[in-house]
Amino acid sequence: MSFPWELGAATGVGSLPGDHARNAARLIVSGVPDFLHVAELPNRGPGGDLIGRTGGLLHAVGADFGLETSADGWRLTDGTSRVMKRSISWIGEDLDAIEEFGQDYEGPIKTQIVGPWTMAASVELAGGERILRDVGACRELAGALAEAARVHIEDLQRRFPKATVVLQVDEPGLNAVLDGTIGSVSGLSRFSPVDPPIVQDALRQILTAVPGVFSGVHCCAAKPPIRVLADSDAQFISIDLTLGRIDEDAMGEAWEQGIGLFAGCFSALAMGERRLGDSDASAPLRTLAHHLGLENPEHMAAVVITPTCGCAGANWMQARAAYDTAVRAGRVLRNEDSHE
């Protein structure tokens, strides 16, 4: 499979510190200039966080599908809440900022949206229980997310007509949904595990929402469900390689099938005065590739180096260092000189 990025590419997962769109865009364009992404700034508060931002994308295409804050987090609403107005405004600011600093950009540019299962496990129905309780509501949510992704991607394509859009579907809660460990709002019971084929069907709706867009799933769980993701038509899988619990057989099968790997190799929070060497930064990926016998340039072309997760909990110095480290780690994949 051909990939929309170059060998040794690097990018960010999505979130960055602070609450200023132009600062974030400036860092992205200077820090990972060959693989841009749209910033997420959860430190803005409700509406800037992972769930609230995706709620804004949903509400922008369907006024009857928005979110409002609740005592336990988020709840569906069929009206226009203040937090949804704020979220939609912030998304516009983020897009305007990356467009301003990335004028005439021609490479891959990634945007992110929360997947249906993490949303269903995080958001309550109007009646007060999680969407996950209602099979029909989960199905409607997947369809709404597919439409939200389509509209959002078309906006990004209009702003970057020479670029290739990459869609990342964030599913940090997917393991808990599959394992049946999501508790009810009351805390008195747990929801039953969702069968993998049902999980895959919902994911597939979002991943295939826009033909020609390169789409995949980010899951930073300790043991991501790689086979489930690969069978959902994900074209790449974004995972944390530092946790040491990757199903190597499943990863090897996916990799050999031509599925891309966004390899989270180091934490932005670990960035400090001591510089992380290029080889050290890429070590988790190179170790995995060695175990699987997939160290040749053909397989390395499927890899994008990233921090292990977003950088919202880091400071600006750490975020800059993380992006610089990711870019330098890519040199190792290209067999360029590394600097320890």
Protein backbone atom coordinates (compact mmCIF):
# COMPACT_ATOMS: atom_id res chain seq x y z
CA MET A 1 0.00 0.00 0.00
CA SER A 2 1.16 3.54 -0.70
CA PHE A 3 0.98 6.01 2.15
CA PRO A 4 0.37 9.77 2.07
CA TRP A 5 3.50 10.41 4.14
CA GLU A 6 7.22 10.02 3.47
CA LEU A 7 9.50 7.43 5.06
CA GLY A 8 10.43 8.60 8.55
CA ALA A 9 7.44 10.92 8.92
CA ALA A 10 6.45 12.37 12.30
CA THR A 11 3.35 14.11 13.61
CA GLY A 12 1.44 14.87 16.80
CA VAL A 13 -1.45 12.91 18.25
CA GLY A 14 -3.68 15.98 18.50
CA SER A 15 -3.79 17.90 21.77
CA LEU A 16 -1.42 20.68 22.79
CA PRO A 17 -1.08 22.86 25.89
CA GLY A 18 -2.56 26.31 26.29
CA ASP A 19 -5.68 27.83 24.82
CA HIS A 20 -4.39 29.93 21.91
CA ALA A 21 -5.06 28.57 18.42
CA ARG A 22 -2.35 30.61 16.68
CA ASN A 23 0.34 29.50 19.14
CA ALA A 24 -0.64 25.89 18.58
CA ALA A 25 -0.67 26.25 14.80
CA ARG A 26 2.71 27.97 14.83
CA LEU A 27 4.18 25.08 16.83
CA ILE A 28 2.67 22.44 14.54
CA VAL A 29 3.88 24.05 11.32
CA SER A 30 7.39 24.59 12.66
CA GLY A 31 7.60 21.38 14.70
CA VAL A 32 6.20 18.74 12.31
CA PRO A 33 6.33 20.59 8.98
CA ASP A 34 5.96 17.49 6.80
CA PHE A 35 2.83 16.12 8.52
CA LEU A 36 0.56 18.80 9.95
CA HIS A 37 -2.44 18.21 12.15
CA VAL A 38 -5.35 20.25 13.46
CA ALA A 39 -4.78 21.22 17.09
CA GLU A 40 -6.96 20.26 20.02
CA LEU A 41 -6.72 22.56 23.07
CA PRO A 42 -8.55 20.90 25.98
CA ASN A 43 -7.15 23.41 28.47
CA ARG A 44 -9.78 25.83 27.14
CA GLY A 45 -12.30 23.95 29.26
CA PRO A 46 -15.59 22.24 28.35
CA GLY A 47 -16.01 22.33 24.59
CA GLY A 48 -12.27 22.27 23.96
CA ASP A 49 -11.80 18.79 25.41
CA LEU A 50 -11.93 15.58 23.40
CA ILE A 51 -15.65 14.89 23.91
CA GLY A 52 -16.83 18.50 23.81
CA ARG A 53 -14.90 19.24 20.61
CA THR A 54 -16.49 16.28 18.84
CA GLY A 55 -19.84 17.40 20.21
CA GLY A 56 -19.26 20.70 18.43
CA LEU A 57 -18.57 18.87 15.17
CA LEU A 58 -21.80 16.92 15.63
CA HIS A 59 -23.86 19.98 16.47
CA ALA A 60 -22.47 21.90 13.50
CA VAL A 61 -24.18 19.44 11.12
CA GLY A 62 -27.27 18.64 13.19
CA ALA A 63 -28.83 21.10 15.61
CA ASP A 64 -30.72 18.24 17.28
CA PHE A 65 -27.50 16.41 18.13
CA GLY A 66 -25.46 18.46 20.59
CA LEU A 67 -24.08 18.18 24.09
CA GLU A 68 -24.43 20.00 27.36
CA THR A 69 -22.45 19.56 30.55
CA SER A 70 -23.96 17.42 33.31
CA ALA A 71 -23.01 16.57 36.88
CA ASP A 72 -21.13 13.52 35.58
CA GLY A 73 -19.67 14.98 32.38
CA TRP A 74 -21.75 15.28 29.20
CA ARG A 75 -25.37 14.77 28.20
CA LEU A 76 -27.16 14.80 24.84
CA THR A 77 -29.36 17.82 24.13
CA ASP A 78 -31.55 18.73 21.19
CA GLY A 79 -30.99 22.43 21.71
CA THR A 80 -28.05 24.78 21.20
CA SER A 81 -26.16 24.95 24.46
CA ARG A 82 -23.67 27.67 25.28
CA VAL A 83 -20.85 25.12 25.39
CA MET A 84 -21.67 23.91 21.87
CA LYS A 85 -21.56 27.46 20.51
CA ARG A 86 -18.18 27.83 22.18
CA SER A 87 -16.92 24.53 20.79
CA ILE A 88 -17.96 25.37 17.22
CA SER A 89 -16.27 28.76 17.53
CA TRP A 90 -13.04 27.19 18.79
CA ILE A 91 -12.98 24.63 15.99
CA GLY A 92 -13.26 27.51 13.52
CA GLU A 93 -10.38 29.31 15.24
CA ASP A 94 -8.23 26.19 15.09
CA LEU A 95 -8.90 25.70 11.38
CA ASP A 96 -8.30 29.37 10.60
CA ALA A 97 -4.99 29.28 12.48
CA ILE A 98 -3.58 26.17 10.80
CA GLU A 99 -4.72 27.54 7.43
CA GLU A 100 -2.93 30.83 8.12
CA PHE A 101 0.39 29.25 9.09
CA GLY A 102 0.19 26.37 6.63
CA GLN A 103 -0.60 28.28 3.45
CA ASP A 104 0.13 26.31 0.24
CA TYR A 105 0.93 23.18 2.24
CA GLU A 106 0.99 20.06 0.04
CA GLY A 107 1.65 17.15 2.41
CA PRO A 108 -0.59 15.09 4.69
CA ILE A 109 -2.70 16.96 7.25
CA LYS A 110 -4.52 15.09 10.01
CA THR A 111 -7.64 15.92 11.92
CA GLN A 112 -9.23 14.04 14.83
CA ILE A 113 -12.72 13.05 15.91
CA VAL A 114 -13.80 10.88 18.84
CA GLY A 115 -15.09 7.46 17.83
CA PRO A 116 -18.60 6.18 18.47
CA TRP A 117 -17.73 3.86 21.35
CA THR A 118 -15.78 6.31 23.47
CA MET A 119 -18.57 8.84 22.86
CA ALA A 120 -21.26 6.31 23.75
CA ALA A 121 -19.44 5.42 26.95
CA SER A 122 -18.85 9.07 27.91
CA VAL A 123 -22.12 10.83 27.07
CA GLU A 124 -25.49 10.41 28.78
CA LEU A 125 -28.86 10.25 27.09
CA ALA A 126 -31.39 12.89 28.06
CA GLY A 127 -32.82 10.44 30.57
CA GLY A 128 -29.57 10.24 32.48
CA GLU A 129 -27.92 6.94 31.43
CA ARG A 130 -25.01 6.48 29.03
CA ILE A 131 -25.70 6.18 25.30
CA LEU A 132 -24.03 2.78 25.50
CA ARG A 133 -27.23 1.43 27.10
CA ASP A 134 -29.27 2.00 23.93
CA VAL A 135 -28.34 -0.02 20.84
CA GLY A 136 -30.41 2.21 18.57
CA ALA A 137 -28.86 5.38 19.98
CA CYS A 138 -25.38 3.94 19.42
CA ARG A 139 -26.29 3.25 15.80
CA GLU A 140 -27.62 6.79 15.33
CA LEU A 141 -24.50 8.22 16.97
CA ALA A 142 -22.23 6.36 14.54
CA GLY A 143 -24.19 7.73 11.59
CA ALA A 144 -24.10 11.26 12.97
CA LEU A 145 -20.34 11.03 13.56
CA ALA A 146 -19.83 9.84 9.98
CA GLU A 147 -21.71 12.90 8.69
CA ALA A 148 -19.81 15.21 11.06
CA ALA A 149 -16.51 13.74 9.85
CA ARG A 150 -17.55 14.21 6.22
CA VAL A 151 -18.44 17.88 6.66
CA HIS A 152 -15.34 18.61 8.73
CA ILE A 153 -13.07 16.90 6.20
CA GLU A 154 -14.63 18.77 3.30
CA ASP A 155 -13.92 22.04 5.13
CA LEU A 156 -10.30 21.00 5.66
CA GLN A 157 -9.96 19.96 2.01
CA ARG A 158 -11.29 23.35 0.92
CA ARG A 159 -8.71 25.11 3.05
CA PHE A 160 -5.86 22.81 1.93
CA PRO A 161 -6.65 21.86 -1.68
CA LYS A 162 -3.11 20.57 -2.32
CA ALA A 163 -2.88 18.47 0.85
CA THR A 164 -3.96 14.92 1.62
CA VAL A 165 -6.37 14.73 4.55
CA VAL A 166 -5.85 12.02 7.16
CA LEU A 167 -8.65 11.22 9.63
CA GLN A 168 -7.82 9.92 13.11
CA VAL A 169 -10.71 8.38 15.06
CA ASP A 170 -9.91 8.53 18.78
CA GLU A 171 -11.08 5.53 20.81
CA PRO A 172 -9.36 5.63 24.23
CA GLY A 173 -12.37 3.89 25.80
CA LEU A 174 -12.67 1.06 23.30
CA ASN A 175 -11.09 -1.67 25.45
CA ALA A 176 -13.53 -0.97 28.28
CA VAL A 177 -16.47 -1.21 25.88
CA LEU A 178 -15.23 -4.52 24.48
CA ASP A 179 -14.44 -5.89 27.95
CA GLY A 180 -17.69 -4.79 29.57
CA THR A 181 -16.07 -2.68 32.28
CA ILE A 182 -18.03 0.53 31.69
CA GLY A 183 -20.16 1.26 34.74
CA SER A 184 -23.64 2.75 34.72
CA VAL A 185 -24.10 6.33 35.89
CA SER A 186 -25.46 5.05 39.20
CA GLY A 187 -22.40 2.87 39.66
CA LEU A 188 -24.61 -0.09 40.59
CA SER A 189 -24.03 -2.12 37.42
CA ARG A 190 -21.89 -2.52 34.34
CA PHE A 191 -22.83 -2.59 30.70
CA SER A 192 -22.44 -5.88 28.84
CA PRO A 193 -19.47 -6.24 26.49
CA VAL A 194 -20.20 -5.10 22.95
CA ASP A 195 -19.50 -7.76 20.35
CA PRO A 196 -16.54 -7.01 18.03
CA PRO A 197 -18.62 -7.14 14.79
CA ILE A 198 -20.94 -4.43 16.16
CA VAL A 199 -17.95 -2.35 17.23
CA GLN A 200 -16.40 -2.77 13.79
CA ASP A 201 -19.55 -1.83 11.88
CA ALA A 202 -19.84 1.47 13.76
CA LEU A 203 -16.17 2.31 13.33
CA ARG A 204 -16.32 1.45 9.66
CA GLN A 205 -19.05 4.06 9.10
CA ILE A 206 -16.72 6.85 10.22
CA LEU A 207 -13.55 5.43 8.67
CA THR A 208 -15.20 5.18 5.25
CA ALA A 209 -17.26 8.38 5.48
CA VAL A 210 -15.21 10.16 2.81
CA PRO A 211 -13.81 8.08 -0.06
CA GLY A 212 -10.14 8.73 -0.68
CA VAL A 213 -9.38 9.98 2.82
CA PHE A 214 -6.74 7.96 4.68
CA SER A 215 -8.42 6.97 7.96
CA GLY A 216 -7.38 5.11 11.08
CA VAL A 217 -7.92 4.69 14.81
CA HIS A 218 -5.95 5.95 17.81
CA CYS A 219 -6.20 3.79 20.93
CA CYS A 220 -3.69 4.48 23.69
CA ALA A 221 -4.83 1.59 25.91
CA ALA A 222 -2.23 -0.74 27.42
CA LYS A 223 -3.34 -3.60 25.15
CA PRO A 224 -5.13 -2.11 22.14
CA PRO A 225 -7.55 -4.42 20.28
CA ILE A 226 -5.46 -4.51 17.12
CA ARG A 227 -7.39 -7.25 15.33
CA VAL A 228 -10.70 -5.49 15.96
CA LEU A 229 -9.28 -2.27 14.54
CA ALA A 230 -7.68 -3.96 11.54
CA ASP A 231 -10.98 -5.65 10.69
CA SER A 232 -12.79 -2.28 10.89
CA ASP A 233 -11.11 -1.14 7.65
CA ALA A 234 -8.67 1.09 9.55
CA GLN A 235 -5.85 2.11 7.22
CA PHE A 236 -3.59 2.91 10.15
CA ILE A 237 -3.48 2.11 13.85
CA SER A 238 -2.11 4.65 16.33
CA ILE A 239 -0.87 3.07 19.59
CA ASP A 240 1.46 3.54 22.56
CA LEU A 241 4.45 1.24 22.10
CA THR A 242 6.00 2.04 25.48
CA LEU A 243 3.47 0.10 27.55
CA GLY A 244 4.95 -3.25 26.54
CA ARG A 245 1.66 -5.15 26.11
CA ILE A 246 1.19 -5.04 22.34
CA ASP A 247 -0.19 -8.19 20.70
CA GLU A 248 2.81 -8.63 18.41
CA ASP A 249 1.21 -11.37 16.31
CA ALA A 250 -1.80 -9.19 15.55
CA MET A 251 0.38 -6.15 14.91
CA GLY A 252 2.62 -8.13 12.58
CA GLU A 253 -0.37 -9.39 10.59
CA ALA A 254 -1.80 -5.87 10.27
CA TRP A 255 1.57 -4.39 9.32
CA GLU A 256 2.18 -7.01 6.64
CA GLN A 257 -1.32 -6.40 5.27
CA GLY A 258 -0.31 -2.81 4.57
CA ILE A 259 -1.94 -1.11 7.56
CA GLY A 260 0.01 1.94 8.71
CA LEU A 261 1.42 2.29 12.21
CA PHE A 262 1.46 5.55 14.15
CA ALA A 263 4.07 4.57 16.69
CA GLY A 264 3.87 6.34 20.04
CA CYS A 265 7.47 6.04 21.19
CA PHE A 266 7.95 8.52 24.06
CA SER A 267 5.94 10.77 26.35
CA ALA A 268 5.98 14.54 26.00
CA LEU A 269 5.91 14.67 29.80
CA ALA A 270 9.30 12.95 29.84
CA MET A 271 10.89 15.77 27.87
CA GLY A 272 13.29 17.76 30.04
CA GLU A 273 16.72 19.31 30.04
CA ARG A 274 18.34 16.01 29.09
CA ARG A 275 17.86 15.49 25.38
CA LEU A 276 16.50 12.11 24.30
CA GLY A 277 18.76 10.62 21.65
CA ASP A 278 17.38 9.85 18.21
CA SER A 279 17.93 6.09 18.56
CA ASP A 280 16.49 6.05 22.08
CA ALA A 281 13.39 7.88 20.87
CA SER A 282 12.75 5.34 18.12
CA ALA A 283 13.75 2.31 20.20
CA PRO A 284 10.20 1.01 20.97
CA LEU A 285 9.38 0.95 17.26
CA ARG A 286 12.68 -0.58 16.21
CA THR A 287 12.39 -3.26 18.91
CA LEU A 288 8.92 -4.21 17.71
CA ALA A 289 10.05 -4.27 14.08
CA HIS A 290 13.03 -6.47 15.00
CA HIS A 291 10.82 -8.95 16.86
CA LEU A 292 8.52 -9.15 13.84
CA GLY A 293 11.26 -9.21 11.21
CA LEU A 294 9.82 -6.11 9.55
CA GLU A 295 12.84 -3.82 9.58
CA ASN A 296 13.14 -3.24 5.84
CA PRO A 297 12.38 0.15 4.23
CA GLU A 298 9.16 -1.18 2.68
CA HIS A 299 7.66 -1.80 6.12
CA MET A 300 9.25 1.28 7.70
CA ALA A 301 7.42 3.35 5.07
CA ALA A 302 4.17 2.46 6.88
CA VAL A 303 5.36 4.09 10.11
CA VAL A 304 4.76 7.58 11.51
CA ILE A 305 6.57 8.51 14.74
CA THR A 306 4.45 10.29 17.38
CA PRO A 307 4.51 11.00 21.10
CA THR A 308 2.68 8.32 23.08
CA CYS A 309 -0.40 10.49 23.51
CA GLY A 310 -1.42 14.13 23.27
CA CYS A 311 0.62 16.96 24.76
CA ALA A 312 -2.12 18.80 26.66
CA GLY A 313 -0.59 17.88 30.03
CA ALA A 314 2.85 19.09 29.00
CA ASN A 315 4.16 22.65 28.94
CA TRP A 316 5.10 24.45 25.74
CA MET A 317 8.79 23.59 26.10
CA GLN A 318 7.97 19.90 26.46
CA ALA A 319 5.57 19.97 23.50
CA ARG A 320 8.20 21.61 21.29
CA ALA A 321 10.79 19.07 22.44
CA ALA A 322 8.39 16.19 21.78
CA TYR A 323 7.79 17.29 18.18
CA ASP A 324 11.50 17.85 17.62
CA THR A 325 12.23 14.41 19.09
CA ALA A 326 9.64 12.75 16.81
CA VAL A 327 11.17 14.37 13.73
CA ARG A 328 14.70 13.39 14.75
CA ALA A 329 13.59 9.82 15.51
CA GLY A 330 12.36 9.58 11.93
CA ARG A 331 15.95 10.00 10.75
CA VAL A 332 16.73 6.59 12.18
CA LEU A 333 14.03 5.02 10.02
CA ARG A 334 15.60 6.68 6.99
CA ASN A 335 19.05 5.43 8.05
CA GLU A 336 20.25 8.98 8.46
CA ASP A 337 22.81 9.94 11.07
CA SER A 338 21.45 9.86 14.60
CA HIS A 339 22.66 11.99 17.47
CA GLU A 340 22.72 10.54 20.94
